[in-house]
């Protein structure tokens, strides 16, 4: 079988490809780049000198060889968010979980094949807070000749949300870690790197989507923001949701979309049949449930209709500008209703293969807590009290990153002292999770993993806690898609709630928002050997320790075993 090679440095013109997959070569240069936003110029870590980074385009079935070259002083690793990485865990990217980071002046080739996936995903740095500026879209097209299960759009437009810090994000998290308090918030949100006209000194940095009347556009939304779920709406327009996390969904219309960090959502926008005498803002701002600091500002782009040739430019500039009405900042009711609308297609072409038989049932708590102040000379901390620092945990264990990658330790048989294979199935000390918080808010620390046999079917209930306040947590699982079979508020009831689980057409995704003051139940099949990170995609919570890892053992057959590590795998 002939293999076509395509060499590119990202902004390439893709050659026609056959039905079978091809090998696509990309190079990502991590380098410093000067960027000006909000009348503030700073040197930031970028991909190929672009902010956001350039888009990767591939088809289902393609093999990707992506060489990442590190030219910056920071160590770097790149995660291909949502890619299943079947037996290719060495290419997943989270630092100290599947690889040691790429050091300054070094490079690493991420080698993986896209199996059974098509849609919108993204890549981002996966070490410290570097993903604040190191991110970009991944567009996975269906195999050649395979249509979308919805009308073919006139045009496809990636729209990636981010956050802009006038300060260095690495300095922001270092300061928070040092003081034990909450980190400073960002100075703006962005659409494709642009804050838009609602911020001071930012009107020229506005994303503009120019459309034609009577056409259908596919908007590929990606939330790459560090710390906030976002509401998004287009004034005087409705959209149709057709995909979430690169999984087709039963289409439904909505005026507003909720998208958490780590999630992607594809929308069909049907433009008005004739030229309107107006332009329309596209805005996004946070859905925030926690009691910590957050940015309440709004990013905006402009939807503009291409006017007839006879229209005067002066009249176009003076068109009225309509603004959408977004839900309230803490509208948990809207969040729950929107989540419940998401359903898998569950068609013959796209079945929802929900595990009906469950081998292992787990119950994890997720939430905030405290650790003792580590300052010397009786200095106080800036956490919940002057003797404590903010922390976060899963089942009251705040995950400590090892000094060597967990996957390397496991594969080499040198895991002793690197991690503990005894993550608890249930909380060690049960309590009223959404009631009055317990007096003891301290968390334990450790590098604990949950070990699963190959092909184990898993049901996991994740319960938010009210310790330091109830809060929504977008949990991301590496290496797998999962089905969200149930969600609810209050404490999960193991006797009553499973009776209402949706085992027919639940949404399949890689990142789920655990409701504020509630719970989410997921099911997945552990059919991918390796070590797989699971963490909150609010970066501040990950930094505080809301993370853990699953270790899936090899199966008996050759195609059920983790492949050997590549020769250029970075060393610690």
Protein backbone atom coordinates (compact mmCIF):
# COMPACT_ATOMS: atom_id res chain seq x y z
CA UNK A 1 0.00 0.00 0.00
CA UNK A 2 1.44 3.33 -0.98
CA UNK A 3 1.98 5.82 1.80
CA UNK A 4 1.80 9.46 0.88
CA UNK A 5 4.08 11.78 2.78
CA UNK A 6 3.17 15.36 3.48
CA UNK A 7 5.83 17.64 4.88
CA UNK A 8 4.61 20.90 6.39
CA UNK A 9 5.28 23.57 8.94
CA UNK A 10 1.63 24.00 9.79
CA UNK A 11 0.22 26.58 7.38
CA UNK A 12 0.19 24.15 4.46
CA UNK A 13 -2.12 23.39 1.58
CA UNK A 14 -3.34 19.83 2.07
CA UNK A 15 -2.97 17.51 -0.89
CA UNK A 16 -5.85 15.27 -1.98
CA UNK A 17 -5.73 12.04 -0.05
CA UNK A 18 -7.20 8.59 -0.65
CA UNK A 19 -9.71 6.83 1.58
CA UNK A 20 -6.99 5.16 3.66
CA UNK A 21 -4.98 7.24 6.10
CA UNK A 22 -1.80 9.05 5.18
CA UNK A 23 1.17 10.13 7.23
CA UNK A 24 1.27 13.86 7.95
CA UNK A 25 4.46 15.51 9.15
CA UNK A 26 4.32 18.73 11.16
CA UNK A 27 6.91 20.77 12.99
CA UNK A 28 6.01 22.94 15.98
CA UNK A 29 8.68 25.42 17.02
CA UNK A 30 8.20 26.61 20.62
CA UNK A 31 9.70 30.09 20.74
CA UNK A 32 9.34 33.52 22.33
CA UNK A 33 7.23 36.02 20.41
CA UNK A 34 6.27 39.63 21.09
CA UNK A 35 2.51 40.21 21.16
CA UNK A 36 0.58 43.40 21.90
CA UNK A 37 -2.87 43.32 23.47
CA UNK A 38 -4.71 45.96 25.54
CA UNK A 39 -1.88 48.38 24.66
CA UNK A 40 0.51 46.09 26.50
CA UNK A 41 3.41 44.39 24.71
CA UNK A 42 5.01 41.32 26.17
CA UNK A 43 7.17 38.42 25.07
CA UNK A 44 5.23 35.18 25.38
CA UNK A 45 5.82 31.50 24.66
CA UNK A 46 4.26 30.75 21.28
CA UNK A 47 4.00 28.07 18.60
CA UNK A 48 5.73 28.91 15.30
CA UNK A 49 5.65 32.59 16.31
CA UNK A 50 1.83 32.59 16.30
CA UNK A 51 -0.72 33.29 19.04
CA UNK A 52 -2.80 31.17 19.11
CA UNK A 53 -0.76 28.46 17.46
CA UNK A 54 -1.53 27.33 13.90
CA UNK A 55 -4.18 24.71 13.24
CA UNK A 56 -3.40 21.08 12.56
CA UNK A 57 -5.58 19.45 9.90
CA UNK A 58 -5.89 15.70 9.46
CA UNK A 59 -8.41 13.01 8.55
CA UNK A 60 -9.71 10.09 10.53
CA UNK A 61 -7.21 7.26 10.11
CA UNK A 62 -4.18 9.48 9.50
CA UNK A 63 -0.87 8.99 11.25
CA UNK A 64 0.64 12.21 12.64
CA UNK A 65 4.36 12.73 13.20
CA UNK A 66 4.70 16.07 14.99
CA UNK A 67 8.19 17.26 15.85
CA UNK A 68 8.17 19.71 18.77
CA UNK A 69 11.35 21.77 19.10
CA UNK A 70 11.89 23.75 22.32
CA UNK A 71 13.66 27.10 21.84
CA UNK A 72 12.51 28.71 25.13
CA UNK A 73 14.02 28.64 28.64
CA UNK A 74 10.98 26.73 30.00
CA UNK A 75 10.62 22.99 29.85
CA UNK A 76 7.69 22.12 27.57
CA UNK A 77 5.36 19.24 26.75
CA UNK A 78 2.36 19.20 24.40
CA UNK A 79 -0.94 17.37 24.96
CA UNK A 80 -3.20 16.48 22.03
CA UNK A 81 -6.41 17.03 23.94
CA UNK A 82 -9.08 14.41 23.24
CA UNK A 83 -6.97 12.17 20.99
CA UNK A 84 -7.50 8.59 22.19
CA UNK A 85 -3.81 7.64 21.82
CA UNK A 86 -4.57 3.93 21.43
CA UNK A 87 -1.45 2.11 22.68
CA UNK A 88 0.55 5.32 22.02
CA UNK A 89 0.56 6.78 25.52
CA UNK A 90 4.12 8.02 24.97
CA UNK A 91 2.58 10.70 22.72
CA UNK A 92 -0.10 11.91 25.14
CA UNK A 93 2.01 14.70 26.57
CA UNK A 94 1.27 15.53 30.26
CA UNK A 95 4.61 16.27 31.92
CA UNK A 96 5.76 13.69 34.48
CA UNK A 97 2.76 11.45 33.70
CA UNK A 98 3.55 10.01 30.24
CA UNK A 99 6.82 11.78 29.53
CA UNK A 100 9.51 13.95 30.99
CA UNK A 101 9.29 17.47 29.57
CA UNK A 102 11.26 18.58 26.51
CA UNK A 103 14.17 20.63 27.80
CA UNK A 104 15.59 23.77 26.25
CA UNK A 105 17.30 23.07 22.92
CA UNK A 106 15.80 19.58 22.70
CA UNK A 107 13.04 18.10 20.51
CA UNK A 108 10.61 15.18 20.54
CA UNK A 109 8.48 13.61 17.81
CA UNK A 110 4.91 12.84 18.90
CA UNK A 111 3.77 9.83 16.89
CA UNK A 112 0.13 8.77 16.93
CA UNK A 113 -2.70 7.63 14.67
CA UNK A 114 -6.23 9.03 14.76
CA UNK A 115 -8.49 6.01 15.21
CA UNK A 116 -12.29 6.29 15.04
CA UNK A 117 -12.38 10.04 15.68
CA UNK A 118 -13.41 13.05 13.64
CA UNK A 119 -14.35 16.60 14.66
CA UNK A 120 -12.78 19.45 16.63
CA UNK A 121 -10.07 18.97 19.26
CA UNK A 122 -7.03 21.05 20.23
CA UNK A 123 -3.45 20.90 21.42
CA UNK A 124 -1.92 22.76 24.35
CA UNK A 125 1.09 22.81 26.63
CA UNK A 126 0.72 20.46 29.58
CA UNK A 127 3.19 21.76 32.13
CA UNK A 128 2.62 24.50 34.70
CA UNK A 129 0.58 27.40 33.16
CA UNK A 130 2.24 27.47 29.74
CA UNK A 131 -1.01 26.52 28.05
CA UNK A 132 -2.11 30.14 28.65
CA UNK A 133 -0.39 30.95 25.34
CA UNK A 134 0.63 27.58 23.86
CA UNK A 135 -2.48 26.18 22.19
CA UNK A 136 -4.09 25.71 18.79
CA UNK A 137 -6.92 23.87 16.98
CA UNK A 138 -6.89 20.29 15.72
CA UNK A 139 -9.36 19.76 12.87
CA UNK A 140 -10.06 16.09 12.13
CA UNK A 141 -12.02 15.66 8.91
CA UNK A 142 -14.00 12.49 8.13
CA UNK A 143 -12.42 9.95 5.85
CA UNK A 144 -12.43 10.96 2.19
CA UNK A 145 -15.93 10.45 0.77
CA UNK A 146 -17.64 10.19 4.18
CA UNK A 147 -20.12 13.08 4.68
CA UNK A 148 -21.07 14.92 7.85
CA UNK A 149 -24.39 13.78 9.38
CA UNK A 150 -25.68 17.33 8.85
CA UNK A 151 -25.86 19.71 5.85
CA UNK A 152 -22.47 20.50 4.36
CA UNK A 153 -21.48 24.00 5.53
CA UNK A 154 -20.53 26.83 3.20
CA UNK A 155 -17.45 27.49 5.35
CA UNK A 156 -15.82 26.17 8.53
CA UNK A 157 -14.44 28.60 11.11
CA UNK A 158 -12.35 27.64 14.19
CA UNK A 159 -13.06 29.92 17.18
CA UNK A 160 -10.77 29.28 20.14
CA UNK A 161 -11.35 31.04 23.46
CA UNK A 162 -8.38 31.94 25.63
CA UNK A 163 -7.20 34.27 28.38
CA UNK A 164 -4.77 37.16 28.18
CA UNK A 165 -2.53 38.08 31.10
CA UNK A 166 -0.58 41.34 31.01
CA UNK A 167 1.73 39.60 33.48
CA UNK A 168 3.65 36.39 32.83
CA UNK A 169 1.21 33.54 33.68
CA UNK A 170 4.12 31.53 35.06
CA UNK A 171 4.86 34.37 37.50
CA UNK A 172 1.17 34.47 38.46
CA UNK A 173 1.05 30.83 39.54
CA UNK A 174 4.50 31.03 41.19
CA UNK A 175 3.26 33.93 43.31
CA UNK A 176 0.07 32.07 44.26
CA UNK A 177 2.03 28.93 45.15
CA UNK A 178 4.41 30.97 47.27
CA UNK A 179 1.74 32.85 49.20
CA UNK A 180 -0.80 30.06 49.41
CA UNK A 181 -3.55 32.33 48.11
CA UNK A 182 -5.62 32.49 44.94
CA UNK A 183 -3.82 33.60 41.75
CA UNK A 184 -4.46 36.94 40.11
CA UNK A 185 -7.10 36.80 37.39
CA UNK A 186 -6.44 37.37 33.70
CA UNK A 187 -6.82 40.81 32.13
CA UNK A 188 -9.08 39.69 29.27
CA UNK A 189 -10.64 36.79 27.45
CA UNK A 190 -9.89 36.31 23.78
CA UNK A 191 -11.38 34.85 20.61
CA UNK A 192 -8.60 33.57 18.34
CA UNK A 193 -6.19 35.63 20.44
CA UNK A 194 -8.18 38.88 20.16
CA UNK A 195 -9.93 40.52 23.17
CA UNK A 196 -12.41 42.62 21.18
CA UNK A 197 -14.00 46.07 21.50
CA UNK A 198 -15.40 45.82 25.05
CA UNK A 199 -11.96 46.17 26.63
CA UNK A 200 -10.02 49.42 26.84
CA UNK A 201 -7.48 49.91 24.05
CA UNK A 202 -8.61 46.80 22.21
CA UNK A 203 -11.06 47.79 19.46
CA UNK A 204 -8.46 47.12 16.76
CA UNK A 205 -7.87 43.62 18.17
CA UNK A 206 -11.31 42.23 17.31
CA UNK A 207 -12.17 38.94 15.65
CA UNK A 208 -14.52 39.59 12.73
CA UNK A 209 -16.55 36.87 11.09
CA UNK A 210 -17.75 38.02 7.67
CA UNK A 211 -20.64 35.98 6.30
CA UNK A 212 -22.96 35.87 3.31
CA UNK A 213 -26.76 35.81 3.62
CA UNK A 214 -28.56 32.49 3.39
CA UNK A 215 -25.47 30.35 4.04
CA UNK A 216 -24.61 27.76 6.69
CA UNK A 217 -21.35 28.11 8.62
CA UNK A 218 -19.76 25.50 10.87
CA UNK A 219 -18.29 27.23 13.94
CA UNK A 220 -15.73 25.04 15.68
CA UNK A 221 -15.66 26.35 19.29
CA UNK A 222 -12.76 25.45 21.59
CA UNK A 223 -12.40 26.60 25.19
CA UNK A 224 -8.66 26.92 25.84
CA UNK A 225 -9.13 29.41 28.69
CA UNK A 226 -7.13 28.61 31.79
CA UNK A 227 -9.70 28.93 34.53
CA UNK A 228 -13.25 29.65 33.36
CA UNK A 229 -16.26 28.01 31.83
CA UNK A 230 -17.84 30.37 29.33
CA UNK A 231 -21.27 31.31 28.05
CA UNK A 232 -21.27 32.19 24.32
CA UNK A 233 -23.98 33.79 22.21
CA UNK A 234 -24.44 35.65 18.91
CA UNK A 235 -26.87 38.58 18.97
CA UNK A 236 -30.15 37.98 17.09
CA UNK A 237 -29.07 34.52 15.89
CA UNK A 238 -29.73 30.97 16.98
CA UNK A 239 -27.27 28.15 16.40
CA UNK A 240 -27.61 24.38 16.12
CA UNK A 241 -25.31 22.22 18.27
CA UNK A 242 -24.11 19.24 16.19
CA UNK A 243 -20.98 18.02 17.96
CA UNK A 244 -19.27 18.03 21.35
CA UNK A 245 -15.71 16.88 22.07
CA UNK A 246 -15.42 15.49 18.52
CA UNK A 247 -18.55 13.36 18.92
CA UNK A 248 -21.66 13.99 16.81
CA UNK A 249 -24.75 14.77 18.89
CA UNK A 250 -28.48 14.89 18.29
CA UNK A 251 -28.85 18.42 16.84
CA UNK A 252 -30.67 21.03 18.90
CA UNK A 253 -31.12 24.78 18.58
CA UNK A 254 -30.05 27.25 21.22
CA UNK A 255 -29.37 30.95 21.71
CA UNK A 256 -26.53 30.35 24.16
CA UNK A 257 -23.81 27.72 24.50
CA UNK A 258 -21.95 26.74 27.68
CA UNK A 259 -18.43 25.44 27.11
CA UNK A 260 -15.96 24.47 29.82
CA UNK A 261 -12.16 24.58 29.56
CA UNK A 262 -11.08 21.48 27.66
CA UNK A 263 -14.39 21.14 25.84
CA UNK A 264 -15.13 21.70 22.15
CA UNK A 265 -18.52 22.34 20.54
CA UNK A 266 -19.42 22.52 16.85
CA UNK A 267 -22.28 24.83 15.87
CA UNK A 268 -24.18 25.34 12.64
CA UNK A 269 -24.93 29.02 12.06
CA UNK A 270 -27.59 29.67 9.41
CA UNK A 271 -27.28 33.31 8.36
CA UNK A 272 -30.23 35.53 7.64
CA UNK A 273 -31.74 35.20 4.14
CA UNK A 274 -31.07 38.82 3.17
CA UNK A 275 -28.61 41.55 4.07
CA UNK A 276 -29.53 42.93 7.52
CA UNK A 277 -28.96 46.60 8.25
CA UNK A 278 -26.90 45.77 11.30
CA UNK A 279 -23.85 44.01 12.67
CA UNK A 280 -23.93 41.60 15.61
CA UNK A 281 -21.66 41.02 18.59
CA UNK A 282 -20.55 37.49 19.44
CA UNK A 283 -19.77 37.54 23.17
CA UNK A 284 -18.47 35.19 25.84
CA UNK A 285 -18.06 35.63 29.57
CA UNK A 286 -17.67 33.30 32.57
CA UNK A 287 -20.04 30.91 34.20
CA UNK A 288 -18.57 31.05 37.71
CA UNK A 289 -19.75 29.14 40.79
CA UNK A 290 -16.81 29.35 43.17
CA UNK A 291 -16.13 31.89 45.87
CA UNK A 292 -12.61 32.67 44.68
CA UNK A 293 -11.51 35.48 42.42
CA UNK A 294 -12.54 35.38 38.78
CA UNK A 295 -12.71 37.67 35.77
CA UNK A 296 -16.22 39.01 35.10
CA UNK A 297 -15.26 40.68 31.81
CA UNK A 298 -16.59 39.91 28.34
CA UNK A 299 -14.79 39.07 25.11
CA UNK A 300 -16.52 40.06 21.89
CA UNK A 301 -16.16 39.42 18.20
CA UNK A 302 -18.28 40.89 15.42
CA UNK A 303 -20.51 39.04 12.97
CA UNK A 304 -20.65 41.13 9.81
CA UNK A 305 -22.65 40.45 6.65
CA UNK A 306 -20.88 41.06 3.38
CA UNK A 307 -22.82 44.01 2.01
CA UNK A 308 -23.89 44.43 -1.64
CA UNK A 309 -21.31 46.03 -3.89
CA UNK A 310 -23.38 49.18 -4.25
CA UNK A 311 -23.40 49.81 -0.48
CA UNK A 312 -21.24 52.72 0.63
CA UNK A 313 -18.43 52.03 3.04
CA UNK A 314 -19.52 54.91 5.25
CA UNK A 315 -22.97 53.40 5.65
CA UNK A 316 -21.49 50.01 6.53
CA UNK A 317 -19.40 51.53 9.33
CA UNK A 318 -22.47 53.25 10.75
CA UNK A 319 -24.62 50.12 10.95
CA UNK A 320 -26.21 49.53 14.37
CA UNK A 321 -24.46 46.90 16.51
CA UNK A 322 -26.66 44.44 18.42
CA UNK A 323 -25.51 42.79 21.66
CA UNK A 324 -26.65 39.35 22.94
CA UNK A 325 -28.02 38.78 26.44
CA UNK A 326 -26.03 36.13 28.29
CA UNK A 327 -27.19 34.17 31.36
CA UNK A 328 -26.31 35.40 34.84
CA UNK A 329 -22.78 34.79 36.02
CA UNK A 330 -23.78 31.91 38.32
CA UNK A 331 -26.77 30.53 36.36
CA UNK A 332 -26.38 26.90 37.37
CA UNK A 333 -29.95 26.20 36.26
CA UNK A 334 -29.04 27.11 32.66
CA UNK A 335 -25.86 25.03 32.91
CA UNK A 336 -27.83 21.96 33.99
CA UNK A 337 -30.49 22.37 31.29
CA UNK A 338 -27.88 22.85 28.57
CA UNK A 339 -25.95 19.76 29.68
CA UNK A 340 -29.12 17.67 29.67
CA UNK A 341 -29.81 18.58 26.03
CA UNK A 342 -26.60 16.89 24.88
CA UNK A 343 -27.30 13.39 23.57
CA UNK A 344 -25.29 11.01 21.40
CA UNK A 345 -26.62 10.33 17.91
CA UNK A 346 -26.74 6.59 18.67
CA UNK A 347 -27.34 5.77 15.02
CA UNK A 348 -26.26 2.78 12.96
CA UNK A 349 -23.29 4.79 11.65
CA UNK A 350 -22.47 6.33 15.03
CA UNK A 351 -23.57 3.95 17.79
CA UNK A 352 -23.38 4.85 21.47
CA UNK A 353 -21.53 1.84 22.86
CA UNK A 354 -22.34 2.45 26.51
CA UNK A 355 -20.98 -0.25 28.83
CA UNK A 356 -24.14 -1.95 30.14
CA UNK A 357 -22.29 -4.38 32.40
CA UNK A 358 -20.02 -2.72 34.96
CA UNK A 359 -17.00 -4.51 36.45
CA UNK A 360 -15.86 -1.78 38.83
CA UNK A 361 -17.81 1.03 40.52
CA UNK A 362 -15.92 3.96 42.00
CA UNK A 363 -17.05 7.01 43.97
CA UNK A 364 -14.63 9.98 44.03
CA UNK A 365 -15.09 13.34 45.72
CA UNK A 366 -13.72 16.44 43.97
CA UNK A 367 -13.24 19.82 45.59
CA UNK A 368 -11.09 22.28 47.45
CA UNK A 369 -9.35 22.03 50.80
CA UNK A 370 -6.32 23.28 52.67
CA UNK A 371 -2.76 22.36 53.53
CA UNK A 372 -0.65 23.80 56.35
CA UNK A 373 1.25 27.00 55.67
CA UNK A 374 4.82 26.07 54.70
CA UNK A 375 6.34 29.48 55.42
CA UNK A 376 9.20 29.79 57.84
CA UNK A 377 9.86 32.39 60.55
CA UNK A 378 6.15 32.52 61.49
CA UNK A 379 5.16 34.20 58.21
CA UNK A 380 1.47 33.94 57.44
CA UNK A 381 -0.15 32.52 54.33
CA UNK A 382 -2.85 34.09 52.17
CA UNK A 383 -5.07 31.02 52.04
CA UNK A 384 -8.42 30.53 53.79
CA UNK A 385 -6.67 31.31 57.08
CA UNK A 386 -3.27 32.79 57.83
CA UNK A 387 -2.00 29.33 58.78
CA UNK A 388 -3.27 27.46 55.69
CA UNK A 389 -2.80 27.38 51.94
CA UNK A 390 -5.38 26.58 49.26
CA UNK A 391 -5.35 23.00 48.03
CA UNK A 392 -7.56 20.79 45.87
CA UNK A 393 -8.02 17.05 45.79
CA UNK A 394 -9.76 13.96 44.46
CA UNK A 395 -11.05 11.81 47.32
CA UNK A 396 -9.08 14.07 49.68
CA UNK A 397 -5.74 13.19 48.05
CA UNK A 398 -3.90 16.15 46.57
CA UNK A 399 -1.79 14.64 43.79
CA UNK A 400 1.97 15.24 43.93
CA UNK A 401 3.81 15.13 40.60
CA UNK A 402 6.65 12.58 40.58
CA UNK A 403 10.20 13.38 39.52
CA UNK A 404 10.11 10.76 36.77
CA UNK A 405 7.26 10.11 34.34
CA UNK A 406 4.79 7.55 35.71
CA UNK A 407 4.51 5.73 32.39
CA UNK A 408 8.27 5.27 32.19
CA UNK A 409 8.37 4.03 35.79
CA UNK A 410 5.59 1.52 35.08
CA UNK A 411 6.99 0.30 31.77
CA UNK A 412 10.51 -0.17 33.11
CA UNK A 413 9.30 -1.96 36.24
CA UNK A 414 10.89 0.71 38.44
CA UNK A 415 7.73 2.08 40.04
CA UNK A 416 8.76 1.45 43.64
CA UNK A 417 8.81 4.80 45.41
CA UNK A 418 7.46 6.66 42.38
CA UNK A 419 3.76 6.05 42.97
CA UNK A 420 1.34 4.14 45.13
CA UNK A 421 -1.12 1.78 43.34
CA UNK A 422 -3.78 2.08 46.04
CA UNK A 423 -6.04 4.99 45.16
CA UNK A 424 -9.22 4.53 47.28
CA UNK A 425 -12.39 3.27 45.58
CA UNK A 426 -14.50 5.42 47.94
CA UNK A 427 -13.79 8.30 50.33
CA UNK A 428 -11.96 7.04 53.41
CA UNK A 429 -14.14 9.25 55.63
CA UNK A 430 -17.68 9.77 54.28
CA UNK A 431 -19.51 12.98 55.21
CA UNK A 432 -22.40 15.16 54.03
CA UNK A 433 -20.63 16.26 50.86
CA UNK A 434 -22.92 19.17 49.94
CA UNK A 435 -24.04 20.10 53.44
CA UNK A 436 -22.28 21.93 56.24
CA UNK A 437 -18.54 21.57 55.60
CA UNK A 438 -16.56 19.50 58.11
CA UNK A 439 -14.32 21.26 60.58
CA UNK A 440 -11.24 19.55 59.22
CA UNK A 441 -10.53 20.88 55.70
CA UNK A 442 -7.01 19.46 55.45
CA UNK A 443 -6.14 17.21 52.49
CA UNK A 444 -3.53 14.49 52.31
CA UNK A 445 -0.85 14.42 49.63
CA UNK A 446 0.57 11.63 47.52
CA UNK A 447 1.22 10.16 44.08
CA UNK A 448 -1.60 7.62 43.97
CA UNK A 449 -2.92 5.77 40.92
CA UNK A 450 -5.91 3.51 40.31
CA UNK A 451 -4.92 0.20 38.68
CA UNK A 452 -7.29 -1.49 36.22
CA UNK A 453 -7.05 -4.73 34.31
CA UNK A 454 -7.32 -4.41 30.55
CA UNK A 455 -10.93 -4.24 29.27
CA UNK A 456 -12.41 -3.46 32.71
CA UNK A 457 -15.73 -1.66 32.38
CA UNK A 458 -15.84 1.27 34.81
CA UNK A 459 -18.57 3.34 36.40
CA UNK A 460 -17.27 6.43 38.17
CA UNK A 461 -19.37 8.88 40.19
CA UNK A 462 -17.65 12.21 40.83
CA UNK A 463 -19.16 14.17 43.71
CA UNK A 464 -18.55 17.88 44.25
CA UNK A 465 -18.02 18.93 47.87
CA UNK A 466 -18.95 22.10 49.71
CA UNK A 467 -15.59 22.35 51.48
CA UNK A 468 -14.58 26.00 50.95
CA UNK A 469 -17.73 26.35 48.81
CA UNK A 470 -19.42 24.24 46.14
CA UNK A 471 -18.02 24.73 42.66
CA UNK A 472 -18.33 23.32 39.14
CA UNK A 473 -15.32 21.26 38.08
CA UNK A 474 -14.65 20.33 34.42
CA UNK A 475 -12.93 16.93 34.75
CA UNK A 476 -10.84 15.73 31.79
CA UNK A 477 -9.83 12.09 31.31
CA UNK A 478 -6.85 11.37 29.07
CA UNK A 479 -6.75 8.32 26.82
CA UNK A 480 -10.49 7.64 26.74
CA UNK A 481 -13.87 8.94 25.80
CA UNK A 482 -16.57 8.27 28.37
CA UNK A 483 -20.37 8.36 28.51
CA UNK A 484 -22.05 10.79 30.92
CA UNK A 485 -24.86 8.50 32.11
CA UNK A 486 -26.17 10.75 34.89
CA UNK A 487 -25.90 14.12 36.60
CA UNK A 488 -27.68 15.66 39.56
CA UNK A 489 -27.55 18.02 42.52
CA UNK A 490 -26.97 17.23 46.18
CA UNK A 491 -25.39 14.02 47.40
CA UNK A 492 -25.40 11.06 45.02
CA UNK A 493 -27.82 8.35 46.19
CA UNK A 494 -26.50 4.91 45.13
CA UNK A 495 -29.92 3.35 45.65
CA UNK A 496 -32.10 5.83 43.76
CA UNK A 497 -29.99 7.79 41.24
CA UNK A 498 -28.73 4.87 39.09
CA UNK A 499 -32.35 4.02 38.26
CA UNK A 500 -32.44 7.25 36.21
CA UNK A 501 -29.17 6.70 34.34
CA UNK A 502 -29.36 7.19 30.58
CA UNK A 503 -27.92 4.02 29.04
CA UNK A 504 -29.44 4.59 25.59
CA UNK A 505 -28.02 7.81 24.13
CA UNK A 506 -25.84 9.56 26.77
CA UNK A 507 -23.39 12.16 25.57
CA UNK A 508 -19.90 10.79 24.88
CA UNK A 509 -17.02 13.15 25.61
CA UNK A 510 -13.58 13.60 27.19
CA UNK A 511 -14.33 16.49 29.59
CA UNK A 512 -17.41 16.77 31.81
CA UNK A 513 -18.52 19.52 34.17
CA UNK A 514 -19.21 18.07 37.61
CA UNK A 515 -22.14 20.30 38.68
CA UNK A 516 -21.68 22.81 41.48
CA UNK A 517 -23.08 21.16 44.59
CA UNK A 518 -23.82 17.98 42.64
CA UNK A 519 -22.42 14.91 40.94
CA UNK A 520 -21.75 13.37 37.54
CA UNK A 521 -21.64 9.65 36.67
CA UNK A 522 -19.58 8.36 33.76
CA UNK A 523 -18.89 4.96 32.23
CA UNK A 524 -15.98 3.86 30.06
CA UNK A 525 -14.16 0.74 28.94
CA UNK A 526 -10.50 0.54 29.99
CA UNK A 527 -9.34 -0.77 26.61
CA UNK A 528 -6.21 1.40 26.29
CA UNK A 529 -3.09 0.22 28.17
CA UNK A 530 -0.93 2.89 29.77
CA UNK A 531 -1.02 5.60 32.43
CA UNK A 532 -3.79 8.15 31.93
CA UNK A 533 -4.11 11.47 33.73
CA UNK A 534 -7.47 12.72 35.04
CA UNK A 535 -7.71 16.26 36.33
CA UNK A 536 -9.78 19.40 36.65
CA UNK A 537 -9.30 21.60 33.58
CA UNK A 538 -9.42 24.75 35.72
CA UNK A 539 -5.66 25.19 35.78
CA UNK A 540 -5.61 26.69 39.26
CA UNK A 541 -7.29 23.57 40.66
CA UNK A 542 -4.86 21.28 38.83
CA UNK A 543 -1.98 23.31 40.27
CA UNK A 544 -3.48 22.83 43.73
CA UNK A 545 -3.63 19.05 43.24
CA UNK A 546 -7.08 18.16 41.83
CA UNK A 547 -5.67 15.35 39.70
CA UNK A 548 -4.93 11.61 39.73
CA UNK A 549 -3.94 8.86 37.29
CA UNK A 550 -5.35 5.57 36.03
CA UNK A 551 -2.96 2.71 35.26
CA UNK A 552 -4.44 0.29 32.71
CA UNK A 553 -2.45 -2.93 32.48
CA UNK A 554 -1.59 -4.71 29.23
CA UNK A 555 -4.02 -7.26 27.85
CA UNK A 556 -3.05 -10.81 26.85
CA UNK A 557 -2.97 -10.29 23.07
CA UNK A 558 -0.18 -8.47 21.21
CA UNK A 559 -2.56 -5.70 20.04
CA UNK A 560 -3.60 -5.10 23.66
CA UNK A 561 -0.17 -4.09 24.89
CA UNK A 562 1.50 -0.70 25.20
CA UNK A 563 4.03 -0.12 22.44
CA UNK A 564 7.69 0.34 23.46
CA UNK A 565 8.88 3.91 24.14
CA UNK A 566 10.42 5.82 21.22
CA UNK A 567 14.17 6.34 21.14
CA UNK A 568 13.86 10.14 21.44
CA UNK A 569 11.58 10.10 24.51
CA UNK A 570 12.76 13.01 26.72
CA UNK A 571 14.67 12.21 29.86
CA UNK A 572 14.21 13.81 33.28
